[in-house]
Amino acid sequence: MIDWNCPSWDSVSCANNVKKRECVSNCNTKRNETISCLIQEESKVNQSEGNVSAEHFGLGSKAKAWISVSIIIIAIIVLALIIFIILRKRKKESSGFSDTELRRAVSSANS
């Protein structure tokens, strides 16, 4: 019975989106195997039960940094809008009058 000894796919690096490894049998015969790096990455995603990271999409460290910065900026903008809306609502409640009512009162007082 032929028993093949092959290095793990994880220990082989990608070149042109292809991984190549050389396997040796107990009879000292050799064979080369290749696999697409995309298939290998998809397999890792399936094994990790759907935990997908930026590496699975081929994003570099600069892209990951920009994504992080963008998310932080968006979160700050959303938070600022929420605070603005809350403060504006409190201001209206404290005066008891809407902006339109205040404008009418000011314009009639000036006339």
C-alpha atoms as a PDB file:
ATOM      1  CA  MET A   1       0.000   0.000   0.000  1.00  0.00           C
ATOM      2  CA  ILE A   2       1.358   3.433  -0.976  1.00  0.00           C
ATOM      3  CA  ASP A   3       1.470   6.024   1.791  1.00  0.00           C
ATOM      4  CA  TRP A   4       2.004   9.648   0.745  1.00  0.00           C
ATOM      5  CA  ASN A   5       3.743  12.175   2.941  1.00  0.00           C
ATOM      6  CA  CYS A   6       2.803  15.763   2.020  1.00  0.00           C
ATOM      7  CA  PRO A   7       3.498  19.050   3.786  1.00  0.00           C
ATOM      8  CA  SER A   8       0.465  20.865   5.154  1.00  0.00           C
ATOM      9  CA  TRP A   9      -1.146  23.362   2.776  1.00  0.00           C
ATOM     10  CA  ASP A  10      -0.796  25.971   5.540  1.00  0.00           C
ATOM     11  CA  SER A  11       2.987  25.637   5.409  1.00  0.00           C
ATOM     12  CA  VAL A  12       3.084  26.366   1.647  1.00  0.00           C
ATOM     13  CA  SER A  13       3.027  29.969   0.443  1.00  0.00           C
ATOM     14  CA  CYS A  14       0.975  31.322  -2.453  1.00  0.00           C
ATOM     15  CA  ALA A  15       2.612  32.307  -5.726  1.00  0.00           C
ATOM     16  CA  ASN A  16       0.354  33.726  -8.454  1.00  0.00           C
ATOM     17  CA  ASN A  17      -2.727  32.587  -6.461  1.00  0.00           C
ATOM     18  CA  VAL A  18      -1.505  28.965  -6.532  1.00  0.00           C
ATOM     19  CA  LYS A  19      -0.001  26.805  -3.815  1.00  0.00           C
ATOM     20  CA  LYS A  20       2.306  23.964  -4.881  1.00  0.00           C
ATOM     21  CA  ARG A  21       3.617  21.172  -2.703  1.00  0.00           C
ATOM     22  CA  GLU A  22       5.733  18.102  -3.359  1.00  0.00           C
ATOM     23  CA  CYS A  23       4.613  14.818  -1.824  1.00  0.00           C
ATOM     24  CA  VAL A  24       6.818  11.757  -1.342  1.00  0.00           C
ATOM     25  CA  SER A  25       5.539   8.210  -1.002  1.00  0.00           C
ATOM     26  CA  ASN A  26       6.891   5.398   1.127  1.00  0.00           C
ATOM     27  CA  CYS A  27       8.143   3.924  -2.191  1.00  0.00           C
ATOM     28  CA  ASN A  28      10.202   7.094  -2.711  1.00  0.00           C
ATOM     29  CA  THR A  29       8.113   8.306  -5.641  1.00  0.00           C
ATOM     30  CA  LYS A  30       7.234  11.966  -5.883  1.00  0.00           C
ATOM     31  CA  ARG A  31       4.216  13.864  -7.073  1.00  0.00           C
ATOM     32  CA  ASN A  32       3.387  17.546  -7.209  1.00  0.00           C
ATOM     33  CA  GLU A  33       0.035  18.893  -6.079  1.00  0.00           C
ATOM     34  CA  THR A  34      -1.417  22.345  -6.644  1.00  0.00           C
ATOM     35  CA  ILE A  35      -4.397  24.156  -5.184  1.00  0.00           C
ATOM     36  CA  SER A  36      -5.844  27.596  -5.780  1.00  0.00           C
ATOM     37  CA  CYS A  37      -5.151  29.992  -2.920  1.00  0.00           C
ATOM     38  CA  LEU A  38      -8.751  31.192  -3.169  1.00  0.00           C
ATOM     39  CA  ILE A  39     -10.068  27.663  -2.630  1.00  0.00           C
ATOM     40  CA  GLN A  40      -7.692  27.255   0.314  1.00  0.00           C
ATOM     41  CA  GLU A  41      -8.909  30.528   1.875  1.00  0.00           C
ATOM     42  CA  GLU A  42     -12.554  29.554   1.302  1.00  0.00           C
ATOM     43  CA  SER A  43     -11.856  26.266   3.034  1.00  0.00           C
ATOM     44  CA  LYS A  44     -10.417  28.138   6.029  1.00  0.00           C
ATOM     45  CA  VAL A  45     -13.548  30.283   6.232  1.00  0.00           C
ATOM     46  CA  ASN A  46     -15.754  27.209   6.235  1.00  0.00           C
ATOM     47  CA  GLN A  47     -13.628  25.560   8.908  1.00  0.00           C
ATOM     48  CA  SER A  48     -13.749  28.626  11.143  1.00  0.00           C
ATOM     49  CA  GLU A  49     -17.565  28.506  11.014  1.00  0.00           C
ATOM     50  CA  GLY A  50     -17.968  31.756   9.162  1.00  0.00           C
ATOM     51  CA  ASN A  51     -15.475  33.924  11.056  1.00  0.00           C
ATOM     52  CA  VAL A  52     -14.297  36.062   8.167  1.00  0.00           C
ATOM     53  CA  SER A  53     -11.429  38.506   8.519  1.00  0.00           C
ATOM     54  CA  ALA A  54      -9.935  41.020   6.119  1.00  0.00           C
ATOM     55  CA  GLU A  55      -7.219  38.544   5.127  1.00  0.00           C
ATOM     56  CA  HIS A  56      -9.835  36.325   3.464  1.00  0.00           C
ATOM     57  CA  PHE A  57     -10.586  39.162   1.083  1.00  0.00           C
ATOM     58  CA  GLY A  58      -6.933  39.882   0.373  1.00  0.00           C
ATOM     59  CA  LEU A  59      -6.938  43.270   2.102  1.00  0.00           C
ATOM     60  CA  GLY A  60      -3.566  44.616   3.148  1.00  0.00           C
ATOM     61  CA  SER A  61      -2.734  46.408   6.377  1.00  0.00           C
ATOM     62  CA  LYS A  62      -3.310  49.862   4.824  1.00  0.00           C
ATOM     63  CA  ALA A  63      -6.810  48.879   3.698  1.00  0.00           C
ATOM     64  CA  LYS A  64      -7.582  47.450   7.139  1.00  0.00           C
ATOM     65  CA  ALA A  65      -6.367  50.687   8.755  1.00  0.00           C
ATOM     66  CA  TRP A  66      -8.554  52.797   6.451  1.00  0.00           C
ATOM     67  CA  ILE A  67     -11.563  50.624   7.204  1.00  0.00           C
ATOM     68  CA  SER A  68     -10.965  51.023  10.937  1.00  0.00           C
ATOM     69  CA  VAL A  69     -10.532  54.798  10.657  1.00  0.00           C
ATOM     70  CA  SER A  70     -13.655  55.070   8.486  1.00  0.00           C
ATOM     71  CA  ILE A  71     -15.743  53.123  10.997  1.00  0.00           C
ATOM     72  CA  ILE A  72     -14.520  55.341  13.841  1.00  0.00           C
ATOM     73  CA  ILE A  73     -15.294  58.536  11.887  1.00  0.00           C
ATOM     74  CA  ILE A  74     -18.779  57.307  10.993  1.00  0.00           C
ATOM     75  CA  ALA A  75     -19.424  56.361  14.636  1.00  0.00           C
ATOM     76  CA  ILE A  76     -18.333  59.856  15.789  1.00  0.00           C
ATOM     77  CA  ILE A  77     -20.593  61.544  13.220  1.00  0.00           C
ATOM     78  CA  VAL A  78     -23.583  59.416  14.227  1.00  0.00           C
ATOM     79  CA  LEU A  79     -22.937  60.122  17.913  1.00  0.00           C
ATOM     80  CA  ALA A  80     -22.647  63.877  17.244  1.00  0.00           C
ATOM     81  CA  LEU A  81     -25.957  63.854  15.330  1.00  0.00           C
ATOM     82  CA  ILE A  82     -27.704  62.010  18.156  1.00  0.00           C
ATOM     83  CA  ILE A  83     -26.394  64.514  20.719  1.00  0.00           C
ATOM     84  CA  PHE A  84     -27.425  67.449  18.494  1.00  0.00           C
ATOM     85  CA  ILE A  85     -30.964  66.076  18.097  1.00  0.00           C
ATOM     86  CA  ILE A  86     -31.324  65.447  21.831  1.00  0.00           C
ATOM     87  CA  LEU A  87     -30.077  68.940  22.750  1.00  0.00           C
ATOM     88  CA  ARG A  88     -32.297  70.598  20.180  1.00  0.00           C
ATOM     89  CA  LYS A  89     -35.322  68.677  21.441  1.00  0.00           C
ATOM     90  CA  ARG A  90     -34.554  69.683  25.051  1.00  0.00           C
ATOM     91  CA  LYS A  91     -34.193  73.336  24.017  1.00  0.00           C
ATOM     92  CA  LYS A  92     -37.614  73.294  22.368  1.00  0.00           C
ATOM     93  CA  GLU A  93     -39.173  71.606  25.401  1.00  0.00           C
ATOM     94  CA  SER A  94     -37.655  74.145  27.801  1.00  0.00           C
ATOM     95  CA  SER A  95     -38.950  77.174  25.867  1.00  0.00           C
ATOM     96  CA  GLY A  96     -42.383  75.692  25.294  1.00  0.00           C
ATOM     97  CA  PHE A  97     -42.577  77.266  21.836  1.00  0.00           C
ATOM     98  CA  SER A  98     -41.666  75.942  18.426  1.00  0.00           C
ATOM     99  CA  ASP A  99     -39.249  77.813  16.156  1.00  0.00           C
ATOM    100  CA  THR A 100     -42.146  78.977  13.980  1.00  0.00           C
ATOM    101  CA  GLU A 101     -44.079  80.360  16.966  1.00  0.00           C
ATOM    102  CA  LEU A 102     -41.019  82.220  18.229  1.00  0.00           C
ATOM    103  CA  ARG A 103     -40.397  83.776  14.790  1.00  0.00           C
ATOM    104  CA  ARG A 104     -44.021  84.973  14.574  1.00  0.00           C
ATOM    105  CA  ALA A 105     -43.829  86.531  18.030  1.00  0.00           C
ATOM    106  CA  VAL A 106     -40.554  88.318  17.227  1.00  0.00           C
ATOM    107  CA  SER A 107     -41.799  89.590  13.868  1.00  0.00           C
ATOM    108  CA  SER A 108     -45.085  90.869  15.375  1.00  0.00           C
ATOM    109  CA  ALA A 109     -43.194  92.581  18.217  1.00  0.00           C
ATOM    110  CA  ASN A 110     -40.940  94.345  15.716  1.00  0.00           C
ATOM    111  CA  SER A 111     -43.868  95.642  13.637  1.00  0.00           C
END
